[in-house]
Amino acid sequence: MFAVAVALVVLPLIYLFIIVAKSRRPMPVPKTGADDLQYVIVIPCLDEEIVIGNTLRSLSRLPADRVRIIVVDDDSEDATAEIAQSFAPRVELLQRRRPNARVGKGDSLNLAYQHVLATSDYPADKIVIGVVDADGRLGPEVIGVLDRHFSEPDVGGLQLAISINNRKDGLLLRMQD
């Protein structure tokens, strides 16, 4: 019985150690990449008026011919939708209203996905959909990095490293960073 208890503690620790060790190795980045992909950035929002303007200003600096920006407002009670609308036509606003709103981020993302499929002129295999939080930022070099990674045939998804702007304001924010 003691051996089973030790195994139940030790095996998950070994697994955790292996996962952490593997995640610390940098992922190799190809030197060249495709430039025929369209990137769709989806920003699900609920009462984000404080941060959404800065995020949209940042994302609007990315090349318009390669990046499509979609905000999905989930029936915000503040000025989130109005701020997003002020960035039109660069930013598309999809609005959900109750009772179909506020039922989960997944539903917002599915709405954006269906909208992209219905409205895009790009072939579906050339569209990459990404999700950015309403307080997120992407650097100007991100398109080149994405092009290089998604030019690899075995890459189907990618998670970029993030940095939380206000990480010094609390333990939870530091842990997210």
C-alpha atoms as a PDB file:
ATOM      1  CA  MET A   1       0.000   0.000   0.000  1.00  0.00           C
ATOM      2  CA  PHE A   2       2.847   2.363   0.854  1.00  0.00           C
ATOM      3  CA  ALA A   3       4.438   1.730  -2.558  1.00  0.00           C
ATOM      4  CA  VAL A   4       1.189   2.641  -4.324  1.00  0.00           C
ATOM      5  CA  ALA A   5       0.911   5.875  -2.336  1.00  0.00           C
ATOM      6  CA  VAL A   6       4.506   6.813  -3.164  1.00  0.00           C
ATOM      7  CA  ALA A   7       3.933   6.017  -6.841  1.00  0.00           C
ATOM      8  CA  LEU A   8       0.797   8.187  -6.901  1.00  0.00           C
ATOM      9  CA  VAL A   9       2.846  11.112  -5.597  1.00  0.00           C
ATOM     10  CA  VAL A  10       6.113  10.536  -7.450  1.00  0.00           C
ATOM     11  CA  LEU A  11       4.773   9.750 -10.944  1.00  0.00           C
ATOM     12  CA  PRO A  12       2.819  13.018 -11.326  1.00  0.00           C
ATOM     13  CA  LEU A  13       5.866  14.930 -10.067  1.00  0.00           C
ATOM     14  CA  ILE A  14       8.067  13.242 -12.659  1.00  0.00           C
ATOM     15  CA  TYR A  15       5.492  14.020 -15.352  1.00  0.00           C
ATOM     16  CA  LEU A  16       5.338  17.660 -14.214  1.00  0.00           C
ATOM     17  CA  PHE A  17       9.129  17.899 -14.266  1.00  0.00           C
ATOM     18  CA  ILE A  18       9.276  16.536 -17.824  1.00  0.00           C
ATOM     19  CA  ILE A  19       6.581  18.956 -19.042  1.00  0.00           C
ATOM     20  CA  VAL A  20       8.310  21.950 -17.435  1.00  0.00           C
ATOM     21  CA  ALA A  21      11.708  20.897 -18.789  1.00  0.00           C
ATOM     22  CA  LYS A  22      10.333  20.504 -22.319  1.00  0.00           C
ATOM     23  CA  SER A  23       8.568  23.867 -22.171  1.00  0.00           C
ATOM     24  CA  ARG A  24      11.790  25.661 -21.260  1.00  0.00           C
ATOM     25  CA  ARG A  25      13.464  24.690 -24.536  1.00  0.00           C
ATOM     26  CA  PRO A  26      12.971  27.316 -27.241  1.00  0.00           C
ATOM     27  CA  MET A  27      10.936  26.179 -30.205  1.00  0.00           C
ATOM     28  CA  PRO A  28      12.936  26.318 -33.445  1.00  0.00           C
ATOM     29  CA  VAL A  29      11.667  29.007 -35.792  1.00  0.00           C
ATOM     30  CA  PRO A  30      12.005  28.498 -39.549  1.00  0.00           C
ATOM     31  CA  LYS A  31      14.077  31.175 -41.298  1.00  0.00           C
ATOM     32  CA  THR A  32      11.550  31.804 -44.066  1.00  0.00           C
ATOM     33  CA  GLY A  33       7.811  31.566 -44.257  1.00  0.00           C
ATOM     34  CA  ALA A  34       4.654  31.822 -46.277  1.00  0.00           C
ATOM     35  CA  ASP A  35       3.311  35.263 -47.100  1.00  0.00           C
ATOM     36  CA  ASP A  36      -0.006  34.180 -48.583  1.00  0.00           C
ATOM     37  CA  LEU A  37      -1.868  33.695 -45.304  1.00  0.00           C
ATOM     38  CA  GLN A  38      -4.565  35.929 -43.916  1.00  0.00           C
ATOM     39  CA  TYR A  39      -4.658  36.373 -40.166  1.00  0.00           C
ATOM     40  CA  VAL A  40      -7.954  36.989 -38.437  1.00  0.00           C
ATOM     41  CA  ILE A  41      -7.649  38.348 -34.921  1.00  0.00           C
ATOM     42  CA  VAL A  42     -10.743  37.804 -32.804  1.00  0.00           C
ATOM     43  CA  ILE A  43     -11.179  39.798 -29.621  1.00  0.00           C
ATOM     44  CA  PRO A  44     -14.032  38.575 -27.413  1.00  0.00           C
ATOM     45  CA  CYS A  45     -15.207  41.437 -25.186  1.00  0.00           C
ATOM     46  CA  LEU A  46     -17.451  41.970 -22.209  1.00  0.00           C
ATOM     47  CA  ASP A  47     -17.288  45.403 -20.556  1.00  0.00           C
ATOM     48  CA  GLU A  48     -13.759  46.192 -21.752  1.00  0.00           C
ATOM     49  CA  GLU A  49     -14.041  49.956 -22.397  1.00  0.00           C
ATOM     50  CA  ILE A  50     -10.981  50.694 -20.258  1.00  0.00           C
ATOM     51  CA  VAL A  51      -8.589  48.581 -22.353  1.00  0.00           C
ATOM     52  CA  ILE A  52     -10.114  47.914 -25.780  1.00  0.00           C
ATOM     53  CA  GLY A  53      -9.090  51.241 -27.352  1.00  0.00           C
ATOM     54  CA  ASN A  54      -5.376  50.711 -26.731  1.00  0.00           C
ATOM     55  CA  THR A  55      -5.592  47.140 -27.968  1.00  0.00           C
ATOM     56  CA  LEU A  56      -7.324  48.154 -31.198  1.00  0.00           C
ATOM     57  CA  ARG A  57      -4.837  50.985 -31.789  1.00  0.00           C
ATOM     58  CA  SER A  58      -2.021  48.469 -31.400  1.00  0.00           C
ATOM     59  CA  LEU A  59      -3.599  45.868 -33.679  1.00  0.00           C
ATOM     60  CA  SER A  60      -4.557  48.458 -36.304  1.00  0.00           C
ATOM     61  CA  ARG A  61      -0.842  49.022 -36.930  1.00  0.00           C
ATOM     62  CA  LEU A  62      -0.553  45.529 -38.387  1.00  0.00           C
ATOM     63  CA  PRO A  63      -0.795  45.334 -42.204  1.00  0.00           C
ATOM     64  CA  ALA A  64      -4.430  45.672 -43.278  1.00  0.00           C
ATOM     65  CA  ASP A  65      -3.914  43.466 -46.330  1.00  0.00           C
ATOM     66  CA  ARG A  66      -2.843  40.550 -44.091  1.00  0.00           C
ATOM     67  CA  VAL A  67      -4.738  41.080 -40.847  1.00  0.00           C
ATOM     68  CA  ARG A  68      -8.458  41.227 -40.262  1.00  0.00           C
ATOM     69  CA  ILE A  69      -9.616  42.371 -36.806  1.00  0.00           C
ATOM     70  CA  ILE A  70     -12.957  41.259 -35.393  1.00  0.00           C
ATOM     71  CA  VAL A  71     -14.350  42.353 -32.031  1.00  0.00           C
ATOM     72  CA  VAL A  72     -17.160  40.230 -30.620  1.00  0.00           C
ATOM     73  CA  ASP A  73     -19.046  42.276 -28.045  1.00  0.00           C
ATOM     74  CA  ASP A  74     -20.973  40.025 -25.679  1.00  0.00           C
ATOM     75  CA  ASP A  75     -23.688  42.558 -24.727  1.00  0.00           C
ATOM     76  CA  SER A  76     -21.416  44.911 -22.819  1.00  0.00           C
ATOM     77  CA  GLU A  77     -23.060  47.453 -20.552  1.00  0.00           C
ATOM     78  CA  ASP A  78     -20.297  50.004 -21.053  1.00  0.00           C
ATOM     79  CA  ALA A  79     -18.895  51.739 -24.158  1.00  0.00           C
ATOM     80  CA  THR A  80     -16.964  48.722 -25.476  1.00  0.00           C
ATOM     81  CA  ALA A  81     -19.053  48.427 -28.664  1.00  0.00           C
ATOM     82  CA  GLU A  82     -18.933  52.160 -29.378  1.00  0.00           C
ATOM     83  CA  ILE A  83     -15.150  52.227 -28.993  1.00  0.00           C
ATOM     84  CA  ALA A  84     -14.763  49.228 -31.301  1.00  0.00           C
ATOM     85  CA  GLN A  85     -17.145  50.807 -33.823  1.00  0.00           C
ATOM     86  CA  SER A  86     -15.014  53.960 -33.854  1.00  0.00           C
ATOM     87  CA  PHE A  87     -12.224  51.901 -35.473  1.00  0.00           C
ATOM     88  CA  ALA A  88     -14.394  50.906 -38.471  1.00  0.00           C
ATOM     89  CA  PRO A  89     -13.759  49.980 -41.213  1.00  0.00           C
ATOM     90  CA  ARG A  90     -10.423  48.588 -39.963  1.00  0.00           C
ATOM     91  CA  VAL A  91     -12.210  46.741 -37.164  1.00  0.00           C
ATOM     92  CA  GLU A  92     -15.341  44.660 -37.651  1.00  0.00           C
ATOM     93  CA  LEU A  93     -17.806  44.582 -34.769  1.00  0.00           C
ATOM     94  CA  LEU A  94     -20.052  41.605 -34.132  1.00  0.00           C
ATOM     95  CA  GLN A  95     -22.568  42.109 -31.356  1.00  0.00           C
ATOM     96  CA  ARG A  96     -24.376  39.473 -29.380  1.00  0.00           C
ATOM     97  CA  ARG A  97     -27.490  40.333 -27.397  1.00  0.00           C
ATOM     98  CA  ARG A  98     -29.197  38.551 -24.558  1.00  0.00           C
ATOM     99  CA  PRO A  99     -30.519  35.931 -24.236  1.00  0.00           C
ATOM    100  CA  ASN A 100     -27.884  34.676 -26.708  1.00  0.00           C
ATOM    101  CA  ALA A 101     -25.083  36.674 -25.064  1.00  0.00           C
ATOM    102  CA  ARG A 102     -23.096  36.104 -21.904  1.00  0.00           C
ATOM    103  CA  VAL A 103     -23.270  32.353 -22.212  1.00  0.00           C
ATOM    104  CA  GLY A 104     -19.546  31.780 -22.608  1.00  0.00           C
ATOM    105  CA  LYS A 105     -16.517  32.852 -24.579  1.00  0.00           C
ATOM    106  CA  GLY A 106     -16.781  29.762 -26.772  1.00  0.00           C
ATOM    107  CA  ASP A 107     -20.060  30.967 -28.248  1.00  0.00           C
ATOM    108  CA  SER A 108     -18.489  34.336 -29.072  1.00  0.00           C
ATOM    109  CA  LEU A 109     -15.563  32.644 -30.785  1.00  0.00           C
ATOM    110  CA  ASN A 110     -17.908  30.350 -32.732  1.00  0.00           C
ATOM    111  CA  LEU A 111     -19.865  33.381 -33.944  1.00  0.00           C
ATOM    112  CA  ALA A 112     -16.645  34.967 -35.217  1.00  0.00           C
ATOM    113  CA  TYR A 113     -15.582  31.718 -36.866  1.00  0.00           C
ATOM    114  CA  GLN A 114     -18.896  31.392 -38.715  1.00  0.00           C
ATOM    115  CA  HIS A 115     -18.666  35.058 -39.752  1.00  0.00           C
ATOM    116  CA  VAL A 116     -15.168  34.550 -41.170  1.00  0.00           C
ATOM    117  CA  LEU A 117     -16.236  31.476 -43.143  1.00  0.00           C
ATOM    118  CA  ALA A 118     -19.243  33.336 -44.543  1.00  0.00           C
ATOM    119  CA  THR A 119     -17.447  36.547 -45.503  1.00  0.00           C
ATOM    120  CA  SER A 120     -13.853  35.742 -46.431  1.00  0.00           C
ATOM    121  CA  ASP A 121     -12.523  35.761 -49.978  1.00  0.00           C
ATOM    122  CA  TYR A 122      -9.477  33.732 -48.905  1.00  0.00           C
ATOM    123  CA  PRO A 123      -9.406  29.958 -49.253  1.00  0.00           C
ATOM    124  CA  ALA A 124     -10.126  28.371 -45.874  1.00  0.00           C
ATOM    125  CA  ASP A 125      -6.715  26.676 -45.789  1.00  0.00           C
ATOM    126  CA  LYS A 126      -5.006  30.085 -46.008  1.00  0.00           C
ATOM    127  CA  ILE A 127      -6.826  31.652 -43.038  1.00  0.00           C
ATOM    128  CA  VAL A 128      -5.329  31.586 -39.564  1.00  0.00           C
ATOM    129  CA  ILE A 129      -7.642  32.611 -36.751  1.00  0.00           C
ATOM    130  CA  GLY A 130      -6.162  33.894 -33.521  1.00  0.00           C
ATOM    131  CA  VAL A 131      -7.644  35.093 -30.269  1.00  0.00           C
ATOM    132  CA  VAL A 132      -6.328  38.113 -28.394  1.00  0.00           C
ATOM    133  CA  ASP A 133      -7.648  39.290 -25.051  1.00  0.00           C
ATOM    134  CA  ALA A 134      -9.151  42.771 -24.921  1.00  0.00           C
ATOM    135  CA  ASP A 135      -6.075  43.979 -23.045  1.00  0.00           C
ATOM    136  CA  GLY A 136      -3.623  42.169 -25.325  1.00  0.00           C
ATOM    137  CA  ARG A 137      -0.964  43.563 -27.600  1.00  0.00           C
ATOM    138  CA  LEU A 138       0.939  42.100 -30.529  1.00  0.00           C
ATOM    139  CA  GLY A 139       4.257  43.485 -31.649  1.00  0.00           C
ATOM    140  CA  PRO A 140       4.874  44.574 -35.247  1.00  0.00           C
ATOM    141  CA  GLU A 141       7.116  41.533 -35.838  1.00  0.00           C
ATOM    142  CA  VAL A 142       4.316  39.051 -35.115  1.00  0.00           C
ATOM    143  CA  ILE A 143       3.269  38.576 -38.753  1.00  0.00           C
ATOM    144  CA  GLY A 144       6.757  37.444 -39.764  1.00  0.00           C
ATOM    145  CA  VAL A 145       6.919  35.048 -36.815  1.00  0.00           C
ATOM    146  CA  LEU A 146       3.489  33.631 -37.638  1.00  0.00           C
ATOM    147  CA  ASP A 147       4.366  33.300 -41.331  1.00  0.00           C
ATOM    148  CA  ARG A 148       7.471  31.301 -40.483  1.00  0.00           C
ATOM    149  CA  HIS A 149       5.687  28.969 -38.064  1.00  0.00           C
ATOM    150  CA  PHE A 150       2.581  28.407 -40.165  1.00  0.00           C
ATOM    151  CA  SER A 151       4.671  27.677 -43.274  1.00  0.00           C
ATOM    152  CA  GLU A 152       5.545  24.390 -41.592  1.00  0.00           C
ATOM    153  CA  PRO A 153       3.022  21.737 -42.735  1.00  0.00           C
ATOM    154  CA  ASP A 154       2.805  20.083 -39.313  1.00  0.00           C
ATOM    155  CA  VAL A 155       1.954  23.291 -37.424  1.00  0.00           C
ATOM    156  CA  GLY A 156      -1.764  23.576 -36.816  1.00  0.00           C
ATOM    157  CA  GLY A 157      -1.734  25.952 -33.873  1.00  0.00           C
ATOM    158  CA  LEU A 158       0.551  28.256 -31.985  1.00  0.00           C
ATOM    159  CA  GLN A 159       0.457  30.000 -28.649  1.00  0.00           C
ATOM    160  CA  LEU A 160       2.525  33.131 -28.391  1.00  0.00           C
ATOM    161  CA  ALA A 161       4.236  34.143 -25.195  1.00  0.00           C
ATOM    162  CA  ILE A 162       2.423  36.943 -23.440  1.00  0.00           C
ATOM    163  CA  SER A 163       3.424  39.643 -21.053  1.00  0.00           C
ATOM    164  CA  ILE A 164       0.883  41.105 -18.672  1.00  0.00           C
ATOM    165  CA  ASN A 165       1.239  44.896 -18.546  1.00  0.00           C
ATOM    166  CA  ASN A 166       0.159  45.293 -14.929  1.00  0.00           C
ATOM    167  CA  ARG A 167       1.904  42.171 -13.632  1.00  0.00           C
ATOM    168  CA  LYS A 168       3.345  44.082 -10.672  1.00  0.00           C
ATOM    169  CA  ASP A 169      -0.156  44.812  -9.336  1.00  0.00           C
ATOM    170  CA  GLY A 170      -0.770  41.408  -7.798  1.00  0.00           C
ATOM    171  CA  LEU A 171       0.201  37.786  -7.409  1.00  0.00           C
ATOM    172  CA  LEU A 172      -2.406  36.463  -9.853  1.00  0.00           C
ATOM    173  CA  LEU A 173      -1.211  38.879 -12.547  1.00  0.00           C
ATOM    174  CA  ARG A 174       2.412  37.882 -11.892  1.00  0.00           C
ATOM    175  CA  MET A 175       1.458  34.214 -12.256  1.00  0.00           C
ATOM    176  CA  GLN A 176      -0.305  34.930 -15.583  1.00  0.00           C
ATOM    177  CA  ASP A 177       2.813  36.686 -16.834  1.00  0.00           C
END
